[in-house]
Protein backbone atom coordinates (compact mmCIF):
# COMPACT_ATOMS: atom_id res chain seq x y z
CA UNK A 1 104.15 226.18 312.16
CA UNK A 2 103.30 230.18 312.56
CA UNK A 3 100.06 229.07 310.78
CA UNK A 4 99.35 226.05 313.01
CA UNK A 5 100.37 227.95 316.61
CA UNK A 6 97.73 230.67 315.17
CA UNK A 7 95.28 227.94 314.73
CA UNK A 8 95.60 227.08 318.01
CA UNK A 9 95.31 230.42 319.88
CA UNK A 10 92.48 230.44 317.90
CA UNK A 11 90.98 227.32 319.19
CA UNK A 12 92.69 226.16 322.29
CA UNK A 13 91.77 228.52 324.63
CA UNK A 14 88.16 227.34 325.98
CA UNK A 15 90.42 223.92 326.77
CA UNK A 16 93.34 225.31 327.76
CA UNK A 17 92.92 223.30 331.46
CA UNK A 18 93.07 220.11 329.67
CA UNK A 19 95.99 221.01 328.15
CA UNK A 20 98.11 221.98 330.95
CA UNK A 21 96.95 218.66 332.67
CA UNK A 22 98.99 217.18 329.59
CA UNK A 23 102.04 219.52 330.25
CA UNK A 24 102.16 218.13 334.18
CA UNK A 25 101.15 214.24 333.21
CA UNK A 26 103.86 214.36 330.43
CA UNK A 27 106.58 215.46 332.35
CA UNK A 28 106.20 213.34 334.96
CA UNK A 29 106.08 210.19 332.23
CA UNK A 30 109.44 211.67 331.23
CA UNK A 31 110.66 211.86 334.77
CA UNK A 32 109.82 208.39 335.57
CA UNK A 33 111.05 206.87 332.09
CA UNK A 34 114.44 207.96 333.13
CA UNK A 35 114.39 206.65 336.66
CA UNK A 36 113.47 203.52 334.74
CA UNK A 37 116.05 203.13 332.99
CA UNK A 38 118.73 204.56 335.03
CA UNK A 39 118.10 201.02 336.95
CA UNK A 40 120.25 199.68 334.38
CA UNK A 41 123.54 201.03 335.24
CA UNK A 42 123.77 199.07 339.10
CA UNK A 43 121.46 196.28 337.14
CA UNK A 44 124.67 195.28 334.99
CA UNK A 45 127.37 196.20 337.58
CA UNK A 46 125.96 193.89 340.16
CA UNK A 47 125.58 191.09 337.05
CA UNK A 48 129.27 191.88 335.80
CA UNK A 49 130.38 192.48 339.51
CA UNK A 50 132.16 195.66 337.83
CA UNK A 51 132.21 198.31 340.72
CA UNK A 52 134.54 197.56 342.93
CA UNK A 53 134.15 201.30 344.74
CA UNK A 54 132.50 201.39 348.61
CA UNK A 55 130.31 203.84 348.79
CA UNK A 56 129.87 205.67 351.89
CA UNK A 57 125.93 207.36 352.71
CA UNK A 58 126.26 211.33 352.21
CA UNK A 59 123.28 213.40 353.59
CA UNK A 60 120.75 214.45 351.74
CA UNK A 61 121.50 218.03 352.80
CA UNK A 62 124.85 218.18 352.03
CA UNK A 63 126.35 221.02 349.60
CA UNK A 64 129.93 219.57 349.35
CA UNK A 65 129.12 217.26 345.90
CA UNK A 66 126.35 218.11 342.99
CA UNK A 67 122.90 217.02 342.93
CA UNK A 68 123.72 214.59 340.33
CA UNK A 69 126.69 213.28 342.79
CA UNK A 70 125.09 213.22 345.23
CA UNK A 71 121.94 210.86 344.06
CA UNK A 72 123.95 208.58 342.00
CA UNK A 73 126.13 207.73 345.55
CA UNK A 74 123.46 207.42 347.48
CA UNK A 75 121.91 205.13 345.27
CA UNK A 76 125.03 202.62 345.35
CA UNK A 77 125.51 202.98 348.98
CA UNK A 78 121.47 201.52 349.40
CA UNK A 79 122.61 199.32 346.66
CA UNK A 80 125.85 197.69 348.63
CA UNK A 81 123.99 197.94 351.66
CA UNK A 82 121.22 195.44 350.40
CA UNK A 83 123.50 193.02 348.49
CA UNK A 84 125.94 193.20 351.71
CA UNK A 85 122.82 192.09 354.13
CA UNK A 86 120.30 190.27 351.08
CA UNK A 87 122.66 189.14 348.72
CA UNK A 88 123.04 189.85 344.93
CA UNK A 89 120.07 187.89 344.07
CA UNK A 90 117.64 189.45 345.86
CA UNK A 91 119.03 192.93 345.01
CA UNK A 92 118.62 192.02 341.68
CA UNK A 93 114.98 191.29 342.28
CA UNK A 94 114.77 193.72 343.78
CA UNK A 95 116.31 196.30 341.17
CA UNK A 96 113.88 194.15 339.01
CA UNK A 97 109.90 195.54 340.85
CA UNK A 98 111.34 198.92 341.36
CA UNK A 99 112.41 198.81 337.12
CA UNK A 100 108.58 197.51 336.54
CA UNK A 101 106.88 199.77 339.33
CA UNK A 102 108.54 203.00 337.80
CA UNK A 103 107.58 201.63 334.14
CA UNK A 104 103.76 201.01 335.55
CA UNK A 105 103.93 204.56 336.52
CA UNK A 106 105.27 205.95 333.63
CA UNK A 107 102.54 203.97 331.40
CA UNK A 108 99.73 205.87 333.90
CA UNK A 109 101.01 209.20 333.25
CA UNK A 110 101.87 208.15 329.26
CA UNK A 111 97.82 207.01 329.04
CA UNK A 112 96.44 209.56 331.28
CA UNK A 113 98.51 212.87 329.09
CA UNK A 114 96.85 211.18 325.94
CA UNK A 115 93.46 210.91 327.70
CA UNK A 116 93.31 213.76 328.93
CA UNK A 117 93.81 215.20 325.48
CA UNK A 118 90.88 213.95 323.45
CA UNK A 119 87.56 216.23 324.87
CA UNK A 120 90.68 218.84 323.93
CA UNK A 121 90.67 217.69 319.81
CA UNK A 122 87.08 216.57 320.08
CA UNK A 123 85.93 219.79 320.99
CA UNK A 124 87.78 221.72 318.75
CA UNK A 125 86.28 219.93 315.77
CA UNK A 126 83.24 220.47 317.54
CA UNK A 127 83.83 223.83 317.58
CA UNK A 128 85.13 224.27 313.85
CA UNK A 129 81.70 222.61 312.51
CA UNK A 130 79.35 224.69 314.64
CA UNK A 131 81.58 227.87 313.50
CA UNK A 132 80.96 226.97 310.27
CA UNK A 133 77.39 226.13 310.35
CA UNK A 134 76.86 229.14 311.96
CA UNK A 135 78.15 230.92 309.43
CA UNK A 136 76.92 229.70 306.63
CA UNK A 137 73.77 230.54 308.63
CA UNK A 138 74.70 234.02 308.21
CA UNK A 139 75.81 234.29 305.10
CA UNK A 140 74.21 235.91 302.77
CA UNK A 141 72.07 234.38 299.82
CA UNK A 142 74.36 235.67 297.41
CA UNK A 143 77.22 233.89 298.78
CA UNK A 144 75.39 230.79 297.88
CA UNK A 145 74.74 232.15 293.88
CA UNK A 146 78.98 232.35 293.78
CA UNK A 147 80.00 228.98 295.28
CA UNK A 148 78.82 225.36 294.53
CA UNK A 149 77.09 223.28 297.17
CA UNK A 150 78.89 220.40 297.50
CA UNK A 151 82.05 222.38 297.44
CA UNK A 152 80.99 223.82 301.09
CA UNK A 153 79.79 220.51 301.71
CA UNK A 154 83.26 219.08 300.99
CA UNK A 155 84.74 221.95 303.57
CA UNK A 156 82.40 220.97 306.08
CA UNK A 157 82.81 216.92 306.09
CA UNK A 158 86.60 216.17 304.03
CA UNK A 159 87.79 219.37 305.21
CA UNK A 160 87.18 219.66 309.26
CA UNK A 161 87.98 215.43 309.06
CA UNK A 162 91.38 216.27 307.53
CA UNK A 163 91.73 218.95 310.69
CA UNK A 164 91.00 216.65 313.26
CA UNK A 165 93.26 213.49 311.63
CA UNK A 166 96.11 215.96 310.98
CA UNK A 167 96.71 218.04 312.81
CA UNK A 168 94.65 217.72 315.82
CA UNK A 169 95.70 213.88 315.77
CA UNK A 170 99.42 215.17 316.13
CA UNK A 171 98.80 217.75 318.86
CA UNK A 172 99.33 215.17 321.51
CA UNK A 173 102.68 214.42 320.72
CA UNK A 174 103.44 217.94 319.72
CA UNK A 175 103.12 218.67 323.21
CA UNK A 176 104.84 215.14 324.54
CA UNK A 177 107.64 215.22 322.24
CA UNK A 178 109.27 218.91 323.22
CA UNK A 179 108.80 217.65 327.05
CA UNK A 180 110.66 214.59 326.04
CA UNK A 181 113.51 215.89 324.09
CA UNK A 182 114.14 218.45 326.27
CA UNK A 183 114.39 215.91 329.32
CA UNK A 184 116.18 213.00 327.58
CA UNK A 185 118.48 215.56 326.16
CA UNK A 186 119.27 217.02 329.39
CA UNK A 187 119.90 213.43 330.69
CA UNK A 188 122.73 213.06 328.14
CA UNK A 189 124.33 216.01 328.93
CA UNK A 190 125.12 214.88 332.26
CA UNK A 191 126.27 211.87 331.23
CA UNK A 192 128.58 213.21 328.97
CA UNK A 193 128.31 216.34 327.63
CA UNK A 194 131.34 215.44 325.33
CA UNK A 195 129.20 212.71 324.35
CA UNK A 196 126.40 215.13 323.32
CA UNK A 197 128.22 217.67 321.98
CA UNK A 198 128.75 215.12 318.90
CA UNK A 199 126.10 213.66 318.92
CA UNK A 200 124.28 217.31 318.03
CA UNK A 201 126.73 217.67 314.78
CA UNK A 202 125.09 214.19 313.63
CA UNK A 203 121.34 215.35 314.28
CA UNK A 204 120.64 218.26 311.85
CA UNK A 205 121.60 215.22 308.84
CA UNK A 206 118.42 213.75 310.30
CA UNK A 207 116.44 217.46 309.99
CA UNK A 208 117.34 218.46 307.03
CA UNK A 209 116.65 214.65 305.38
CA UNK A 210 113.27 215.00 306.71
CA UNK A 211 112.85 218.87 305.55
CA UNK A 212 113.68 218.30 301.64
CA UNK A 213 111.08 215.46 301.67
CA UNK A 214 108.27 217.47 303.09
CA UNK A 215 108.58 220.38 300.87
CA UNK A 216 105.46 221.81 298.50
CA UNK A 217 103.19 219.37 300.60
CA UNK A 218 100.87 221.82 301.42
CA UNK A 219 100.47 222.82 298.13
CA UNK A 220 99.83 219.22 296.54
CA UNK A 221 97.26 218.86 299.70
CA UNK A 222 95.29 222.21 298.76
CA UNK A 223 95.20 220.55 295.07
CA UNK A 224 93.63 216.76 296.90
CA UNK A 225 90.87 218.78 298.61
CA UNK A 226 89.82 220.79 295.52
CA UNK A 227 89.26 217.35 293.72
CA UNK A 228 87.40 216.14 296.52
CA UNK A 229 85.07 219.45 296.40
CA UNK A 230 84.82 218.45 292.93
CA UNK A 231 83.95 215.49 293.62
CA UNK A 232 81.45 216.06 296.07
CA UNK A 233 80.02 218.69 293.98
CA UNK A 234 79.32 216.46 291.27
CA UNK A 235 77.80 213.93 293.00
CA UNK A 236 75.20 216.90 294.38
CA UNK A 237 74.97 217.49 290.75
CA UNK A 238 73.77 214.24 289.87
CA UNK A 239 71.52 213.10 292.66
CA UNK A 240 69.80 216.70 291.95
CA UNK A 241 69.20 216.56 288.82
CA UNK A 242 69.20 212.31 288.15
CA UNK A 243 65.98 212.65 286.26
CA UNK A 244 67.17 214.74 283.54
CA UNK A 245 70.14 212.48 283.97
CA UNK A 246 68.01 209.56 283.11
CA UNK A 247 66.16 210.66 280.25
CA UNK A 248 68.51 211.94 278.08
CA UNK A 249 70.40 208.40 278.74
CA UNK A 250 73.81 210.47 279.48
CA UNK A 251 74.39 207.80 282.40
CA UNK A 252 77.81 207.16 280.18
CA UNK A 253 78.51 210.77 279.54
CA UNK A 254 78.18 211.36 283.71
CA UNK A 255 80.31 208.06 285.00
CA UNK A 256 82.69 209.43 282.90
CA UNK A 257 83.09 212.96 283.70
CA UNK A 258 82.49 211.52 287.51
CA UNK A 259 85.71 208.53 286.65
CA UNK A 260 87.87 211.08 285.25
CA UNK A 261 87.51 213.66 288.58
CA UNK A 262 88.17 210.29 290.74
CA UNK A 263 90.88 209.64 288.75
CA UNK A 264 92.77 213.18 289.31
CA UNK A 265 92.15 212.83 292.92
CA UNK A 266 93.99 209.97 293.14
CA UNK A 267 96.60 210.87 291.34
CA UNK A 268 97.38 213.68 293.63
CA UNK A 269 95.73 212.17 296.79
CA UNK A 270 98.19 209.43 295.74
CA UNK A 271 101.60 211.90 295.72
CA UNK A 272 100.69 213.32 299.06
CA UNK A 273 99.90 209.62 300.52
CA UNK A 274 103.32 208.98 299.12
CA UNK A 275 105.17 211.48 300.53
CA UNK A 276 103.46 210.82 304.15
CA UNK A 277 103.98 207.11 303.84
CA UNK A 278 107.97 208.02 303.23
CA UNK A 279 108.34 210.06 306.84
CA UNK A 280 108.20 206.81 308.87
CA UNK A 281 110.95 205.21 307.02
CA UNK A 282 113.40 207.00 305.76
CA UNK A 283 113.30 208.76 309.81
CA UNK A 284 114.32 205.37 310.61
CA UNK A 285 116.89 205.10 308.69
CA UNK A 286 118.14 208.05 309.51
CA UNK A 287 117.74 207.64 313.49
CA UNK A 288 119.53 204.46 312.95
CA UNK A 289 122.48 205.72 310.93
CA UNK A 290 122.98 208.57 313.98
CA UNK A 291 122.72 205.26 316.24
CA UNK A 292 125.31 203.86 314.76
CA UNK A 293 127.86 206.74 314.64
CA UNK A 294 127.29 207.91 317.88
CA UNK A 295 127.90 203.75 318.73
CA UNK A 296 130.97 203.83 316.84
CA UNK A 297 132.46 207.03 318.60
CA UNK A 298 131.57 206.71 322.00
CA UNK A 299 132.45 202.62 321.51
CA UNK A 300 135.75 203.16 320.40
CA UNK A 301 135.77 206.44 323.72
CA UNK A 302 135.59 203.68 325.67
CA UNK A 303 138.04 201.11 323.85
CA UNK A 304 140.99 203.45 324.24
CA UNK A 305 140.48 204.64 328.03
CA UNK A 306 139.66 208.01 327.03
CA UNK A 307 135.86 208.34 328.43
CA UNK A 308 134.82 209.60 331.12
CA UNK A 309 132.28 207.36 331.54
CA UNK A 310 132.17 203.42 331.83
CA UNK A 311 130.13 200.76 329.65
CA UNK A 312 127.11 200.45 331.97
CA UNK A 313 126.70 204.22 331.81
CA UNK A 314 127.20 204.16 327.87
CA UNK A 315 124.93 201.55 327.72
CA UNK A 316 121.88 203.61 330.00
CA UNK A 317 123.20 206.83 327.22
CA UNK A 318 122.78 204.85 324.43
CA UNK A 319 119.15 203.50 325.53
CA UNK A 320 118.16 207.72 325.99
CA UNK A 321 119.39 208.46 322.94
CA UNK A 322 117.58 205.62 320.96
CA UNK A 323 114.31 207.45 323.03
CA UNK A 324 114.96 210.41 321.65
CA UNK A 325 114.67 209.52 318.62
CA UNK A 326 111.18 208.51 318.50
CA UNK A 327 109.77 211.96 319.77
CA UNK A 328 112.51 213.10 316.47
CA UNK A 329 110.44 211.08 314.35
CA UNK A 330 106.89 211.95 315.70
CA UNK A 331 107.89 215.48 314.69
CA UNK A 332 108.84 213.97 311.60
CA UNK A 333 105.41 212.75 310.91
CA UNK A 334 103.97 216.12 312.04
CA UNK A 335 105.74 217.87 309.58
CA UNK A 336 103.84 215.74 306.76
CA UNK A 337 100.28 215.84 308.56
CA UNK A 338 100.41 219.45 310.01
CA UNK A 339 100.89 221.27 306.19
CA UNK A 340 97.97 218.96 304.87
CA UNK A 341 95.75 220.05 307.59
CA UNK A 342 96.66 223.74 307.47
CA UNK A 343 95.65 222.95 303.65
CA UNK A 344 92.39 222.04 304.76
CA UNK A 345 92.06 224.79 307.20
CA UNK A 346 92.96 227.58 304.83
CA UNK A 347 90.19 226.08 302.64
CA UNK A 348 87.68 226.41 305.73
CA UNK A 349 88.61 229.63 306.49
CA UNK A 350 87.16 230.68 303.01
CA UNK A 351 84.26 230.54 304.35
CA UNK A 352 84.55 231.62 307.81
CA UNK A 353 86.10 234.54 306.86
CA UNK A 354 83.75 235.25 303.62
CA UNK A 355 82.27 238.81 303.74
CA UNK A 356 78.53 239.17 304.86
CA UNK A 357 77.99 242.99 303.18
CA UNK A 358 74.33 242.43 304.50
CA UNK A 359 75.30 243.87 307.82
CA UNK A 360 73.33 245.32 310.74
CA UNK A 361 73.32 248.78 312.33
CA UNK A 362 74.92 249.36 315.68
CA UNK A 363 71.52 250.42 317.26
CA UNK A 364 69.07 248.77 314.77
CA UNK A 365 65.18 249.74 314.97
CA UNK A 366 62.86 248.09 316.72
CA UNK A 367 59.96 247.03 314.58
CA UNK A 368 57.16 244.95 315.67
CA UNK A 369 54.17 245.95 313.41
CA UNK A 370 53.47 247.04 309.64
CA UNK A 371 50.76 250.07 310.05
CA UNK A 372 51.21 251.79 306.42
CA UNK A 373 52.95 250.96 303.27
CA UNK A 374 56.64 249.71 301.82
CA UNK A 375 58.36 252.01 299.57
CA UNK A 376 60.85 251.72 296.81
CA UNK A 377 62.33 254.78 295.98
CA UNK A 378 64.88 254.92 292.93
CA UNK A 379 65.85 251.17 293.73
CA UNK A 380 68.76 249.92 291.82
CA UNK A 381 70.71 246.46 292.25
CA UNK A 382 73.67 244.71 290.55
CA UNK A 383 74.65 241.30 291.66
CA UNK A 384 78.75 241.29 293.27
CA UNK A 385 80.75 240.82 290.61
CA UNK A 386 78.30 241.49 287.49
CA UNK A 387 78.79 244.40 284.72
CA UNK A 388 74.88 245.07 284.59
CA UNK A 389 72.80 246.20 286.58
CA UNK A 390 69.83 244.03 287.56
CA UNK A 391 67.54 246.37 288.85
CA UNK A 392 67.02 250.28 287.96
CA UNK A 393 65.47 252.93 288.97
CA UNK A 394 62.12 251.18 290.80
CA UNK A 395 59.55 253.08 292.38
CA UNK A 396 57.02 251.30 293.96
CA UNK A 397 54.18 251.88 296.95
CA UNK A 398 52.73 248.75 298.77
CA UNK A 399 50.00 249.87 300.77
CA UNK A 400 48.81 247.97 303.96
CA UNK A 401 46.29 245.19 303.41
CA UNK A 402 46.80 245.91 299.23
CA UNK A 403 47.97 243.09 296.55
CA UNK A 404 50.27 243.64 294.01
CA UNK A 405 51.17 241.77 291.90
CA UNK A 406 54.37 241.71 289.42
CA UNK A 407 54.86 240.27 285.94
CA UNK A 408 57.51 239.80 283.22
CA UNK A 409 59.68 237.30 281.58
CA UNK A 410 62.33 235.62 282.84
CA UNK A 411 65.25 237.43 284.03
CA UNK A 412 63.40 240.70 284.30
CA UNK A 413 64.25 240.65 288.06
CA UNK A 414 60.92 239.82 289.33
CA UNK A 415 62.33 237.60 292.24
CA UNK A 416 65.85 240.20 292.64
CA UNK A 417 63.10 243.01 293.56
CA UNK A 418 60.91 240.93 296.21
CA UNK A 419 64.12 239.50 297.60
CA UNK A 420 65.44 242.79 298.68
CA UNK A 421 62.43 243.33 300.94
CA UNK A 422 63.57 240.88 303.62
CA UNK A 423 67.18 242.08 303.01
CA UNK A 424 68.54 239.10 301.71
CA UNK A 425 70.39 241.73 299.30
CA UNK A 426 71.02 245.11 299.85
CA UNK A 427 70.11 247.79 297.24
CA UNK A 428 73.02 249.62 295.61
CA UNK A 429 71.25 253.35 295.50
CA UNK A 430 68.07 254.43 296.25
CA UNK A 431 66.00 252.91 299.38
CA UNK A 432 63.55 250.90 300.53
CA UNK A 433 61.05 251.48 303.80
CA UNK A 434 58.75 250.42 305.84
CA UNK A 435 56.25 252.56 307.68
CA UNK A 436 58.92 255.29 306.59
CA UNK A 437 61.67 253.92 308.07
CA UNK A 438 64.70 252.27 305.74
CA UNK A 439 64.82 248.76 306.27
CA UNK A 440 68.70 248.88 306.33
CA UNK A 441 68.45 250.48 309.92
CA UNK A 442 65.92 248.24 311.18
CA UNK A 443 66.16 244.96 312.76
CA UNK A 444 66.92 242.24 310.44
CA UNK A 445 64.66 239.34 312.87
CA UNK A 446 62.16 241.83 313.35
CA UNK A 447 61.68 242.42 309.43
CA UNK A 448 62.16 239.37 308.49
CA UNK A 449 59.32 238.22 311.74
CA UNK A 450 56.98 240.11 309.36
CA UNK A 451 56.79 238.40 306.38
CA UNK A 452 56.15 235.28 305.29
CA UNK A 453 57.26 233.03 302.10
CA UNK A 454 55.56 230.55 299.60
CA UNK A 455 58.07 230.09 296.63
CA UNK A 456 57.84 228.32 293.39
CA UNK A 457 59.54 225.19 294.69
CA UNK A 458 58.12 224.68 298.05
CA UNK A 459 61.28 224.26 300.37
CA UNK A 460 60.26 221.51 303.04
CA UNK A 461 62.73 219.45 305.47
CA UNK A 462 63.63 215.90 305.72
CA UNK A 463 61.16 215.72 309.02
CA UNK A 464 57.24 214.63 310.12
CA UNK A 465 55.20 217.11 308.71
CA UNK A 466 54.34 218.39 312.19
CA UNK A 467 57.42 219.93 312.12
CA UNK A 468 57.84 221.17 308.32
CA UNK A 469 54.24 223.29 309.04
CA UNK A 470 55.35 224.28 312.86
CA UNK A 471 59.15 225.84 311.36
CA UNK A 472 59.98 228.56 313.03
CA UNK A 473 57.05 229.05 314.97
CA UNK A 474 57.95 228.23 318.68
CA UNK A 475 55.88 226.03 320.79
CA UNK A 476 53.21 225.54 318.07
CA UNK A 477 50.37 223.11 319.32
CA UNK A 478 48.97 220.35 317.46
CA UNK A 479 45.28 222.61 317.51
CA UNK A 480 47.28 225.55 315.97
CA UNK A 481 48.81 223.21 313.45
CA UNK A 482 45.93 221.37 311.88
CA UNK A 483 43.83 224.66 311.96
CA UNK A 484 46.84 226.01 309.76
CA UNK A 485 46.53 223.01 307.47
CA UNK A 486 43.01 222.65 307.03
CA UNK A 487 42.93 226.53 305.82
CA UNK A 488 45.69 225.13 303.49
CA UNK A 489 43.51 222.50 302.17
CA UNK A 490 46.04 220.24 303.19
CA UNK A 491 44.24 218.26 306.06
CA UNK A 492 42.40 215.96 304.34
CA UNK A 493 45.29 214.27 302.78
CA UNK A 494 47.88 214.39 305.51
CA UNK A 495 45.12 212.12 307.47
CA UNK A 496 45.16 210.13 304.62
CA UNK A 497 48.88 208.93 305.60
CA UNK A 498 49.37 206.21 308.02
CA UNK A 499 51.11 208.40 310.48
CA UNK A 500 49.52 211.90 309.81
CA UNK A 501 51.12 214.89 311.21
CA UNK A 502 53.75 212.50 312.11
CA UNK A 503 54.80 211.13 308.52
CA UNK A 504 58.09 211.99 307.80
CA UNK A 505 58.19 213.37 304.32
CA UNK A 506 61.51 212.11 302.66
CA UNK A 507 64.41 214.80 301.47
CA UNK A 508 62.99 217.49 300.48
CA UNK A 509 59.12 216.29 300.47
CA UNK A 510 60.26 213.98 298.39
CA UNK A 511 57.25 211.27 299.27
CA UNK A 512 54.59 214.08 298.59
CA UNK A 513 52.89 215.42 295.29
CA UNK A 514 53.73 218.72 294.06
CA UNK A 515 50.80 220.43 295.09
CA UNK A 516 51.10 218.76 298.30
CA UNK A 517 54.03 219.88 299.10
CA UNK A 518 52.91 223.56 298.15
CA UNK A 519 50.44 223.52 300.15
CA UNK A 520 52.45 222.17 303.36
CA UNK A 521 54.27 225.30 302.49
CA UNK A 522 51.28 227.30 302.44
CA UNK A 523 50.25 226.17 305.72
CA UNK A 524 54.04 227.21 307.22
CA UNK A 525 53.06 230.47 306.34
CA UNK A 526 49.48 230.67 307.80
CA UNK A 527 50.94 229.55 310.98
CA UNK A 528 53.48 231.80 310.90
CA UNK A 529 50.37 234.32 310.47
CA UNK A 530 52.67 237.37 308.77
CA UNK A 531 51.31 241.05 308.26
CA UNK A 532 53.29 240.83 304.54
CA UNK A 533 53.56 237.59 302.12
CA UNK A 534 55.35 236.86 299.24
CA UNK A 535 54.00 234.62 296.63
CA UNK A 536 57.15 234.12 294.09
CA UNK A 537 55.22 232.42 291.36
CA UNK A 538 53.63 229.58 294.04
CA UNK A 539 51.36 227.86 291.30
CA UNK A 540 53.04 227.44 288.03
CA UNK A 541 54.46 224.48 288.38
CA UNK A 542 51.38 222.78 289.78
CA UNK A 543 48.44 220.22 287.25
CA UNK A 544 44.82 221.80 287.02
CA UNK A 545 43.48 220.43 290.03
CA UNK A 546 46.08 220.86 292.45
CA UNK A 547 46.67 224.43 291.14
CA UNK A 548 42.86 224.77 292.33
CA UNK A 549 43.08 223.59 295.86
CA UNK A 550 46.37 225.61 296.42
CA UNK A 551 44.79 228.77 294.90
CA UNK A 552 41.74 228.16 297.17
CA UNK A 553 44.49 228.00 300.21
CA UNK A 554 46.22 231.18 298.66
CA UNK A 555 43.07 233.62 298.57
CA UNK A 556 42.36 232.43 302.85
CA UNK A 557 45.63 232.88 302.62
CA UNK A 558 45.98 236.46 301.47
CA UNK A 559 42.75 237.96 302.23
CA UNK A 560 43.74 240.11 305.25
CA UNK A 561 47.35 240.35 304.51
CA UNK A 562 49.40 242.72 301.99
CA UNK A 563 50.81 240.69 299.16
CA UNK A 564 53.38 240.93 297.08
CA UNK A 565 52.77 238.09 294.22
CA UNK A 566 55.05 236.98 291.24
CA UNK A 567 52.87 235.62 288.91
CA UNK A 568 53.57 233.63 286.09
CA UNK A 569 49.62 232.87 285.03
CA UNK A 570 48.33 236.31 284.35
CA UNK A 571 44.96 234.98 285.22
CA UNK A 572 45.78 234.28 289.00
CA UNK A 573 46.10 238.32 289.19
CA UNK A 574 43.82 239.35 287.74
CA UNK A 575 41.96 241.01 290.85
CA UNK A 576 45.31 242.54 292.42
CA UNK A 577 44.81 246.56 293.40
CA UNK A 578 48.26 246.86 291.11
CA UNK A 579 49.66 244.98 288.69
CA UNK A 580 53.82 246.19 287.73
CA UNK A 581 55.21 244.84 284.60
CA UNK A 582 59.27 244.29 284.44
CA UNK A 583 61.07 244.08 281.19
CA UNK A 584 65.14 243.96 281.60
CA UNK A 585 65.36 244.80 285.20
CA UNK A 586 62.59 247.88 284.88
CA UNK A 587 59.25 248.73 285.07
CA UNK A 588 57.66 249.50 281.96
CA UNK A 589 53.71 249.78 282.79
CA UNK A 590 51.51 249.56 285.75
CA UNK A 591 48.13 249.74 286.92
CA UNK A 592 44.70 247.26 287.15
CA UNK A 593 44.18 244.00 284.57
CA UNK A 594 41.76 246.07 282.65
CA UNK A 595 43.69 249.23 282.41
CA UNK A 596 47.26 247.67 280.76
CA UNK A 597 45.23 245.42 278.71
CA UNK A 598 43.05 248.61 277.69
CA UNK A 599 46.96 250.23 277.17
CA UNK A 600 47.97 247.61 274.36
CA UNK A 601 51.33 247.70 276.02
CA UNK A 602 53.81 244.95 276.98
CA UNK A 603 50.74 243.52 279.44
CA UNK A 604 48.46 242.79 276.68
CA UNK A 605 51.48 241.07 274.58
CA UNK A 606 52.03 238.72 277.45
CA UNK A 607 48.25 238.43 278.36
CA UNK A 608 47.70 237.13 274.36
CA UNK A 609 50.60 234.98 274.68
CA UNK A 610 49.22 232.87 277.46
CA UNK A 611 45.55 232.92 275.84
CA UNK A 612 46.98 231.27 272.49
């Protein structure tokens, strides 16, 4: 339960007003419940004429008797006065109406106590989702290369839902039940402390029985949620690679793989559900057993005239004792639900507590423009957990307005090198500067606002063409977006669409061709108008016609900017001011196209291979 209370401390504080209201309403509900049940005694005594005592009214401020005796005496005195003046039948009717009134007030308080908790429950779940999303936005790209996307989706959906259903749905009864138990138990002591003492000897049996069944539930729940993550991950992989699955006739293989994962999830979650399902019948049986034992013991005392309470009071005692069973059963349910929810919260915390190694200094240097150069000074880099350096001893200077190209085989470190500039990763050794300032000391927001990206895979969103081009640019006008699209050779095909710039382009831009998607991403970069542009093999995946249109757009985009281009096709970077040739994380050659060809080294080898 310590973990549960730590969870509440983290998330309940903004909603403590609702919590206070629920506490007050639950106390009122329990008190009115006791008053309504207490009417059983005079009703039975009037029906069966069991009490022949003549009660005299005692002033309410009297200290001669205890508060319990004072209330009981005066209540019976009023009842006898009513019977004498109105008769027993009318008195029973009035007592019945009073019972109905007390019950109505009790039920109203009960409903209100639950209703006031709804904003708290839904608010906490909303806060958890927002925290996860915000955390994901702040984490570096390296985190996502180590985690499966499907597992992250499973934690955001399945685990958060489990927290909602397993923990937040029990929060109401965890507030209500202690109040009910305390008030009911106090009432039992006031009625007969001897009988209550005997009852306490029986209650541990019920608690022990429930604790035995609740063992290892959290561990099983963690395993179940892990299997659920596997299901989501496989679904994500299948949807992302459906073309390959069909091309290689691997449908049956994928179906078998998915079915095996689902069977594992079914097996483990079935064991968890079985334990949960056993909570109600077991608690029902143990509660009935407790009632049976107390009924036998109390009944024996009354029949032998050794009890301090009469038969109607004993019936009232049994009603209150039976009423205390439901809160105890709810605690039993909570003992199953809470560990399951805490298992999900543990998985969520792996995201919320994930370390972000891209930290901004306390007082970052503001940078609003790019004036001189970007420099790599003896830069080295290695991915977290990696055993080999990805980049070694990188020294590059990129002057303002220059176009440099980075070439090399796949895995030579080209993309990693350019990812260091906007601080998607941080260098292990050396430093990168912009206008002489170490980028680790510069505001991350300012740094990235100076940089535009056009990637090999155009990253678009399931939204309108207008919103995709205006992405990241506040208050962009239709005229500005259209002008950016014209420069990117995209305006004509956009206007051919039925809804023009208001056309929804589908998931990841699936309703557009590769060349169209790339021109939309170029238009987005043009609208941002950054002084530094990073092109990551922007034309490598296009057909000849699309490449021509995209290359024309890129030429316009890079004409007055500092450009860093990762090139797969060497023909696209012949006019670069300087070309850096990489191999196994090192720069092995540098110079202009003609100079590198004349060297007859690694670059010429790459060029000759593409010329074949």
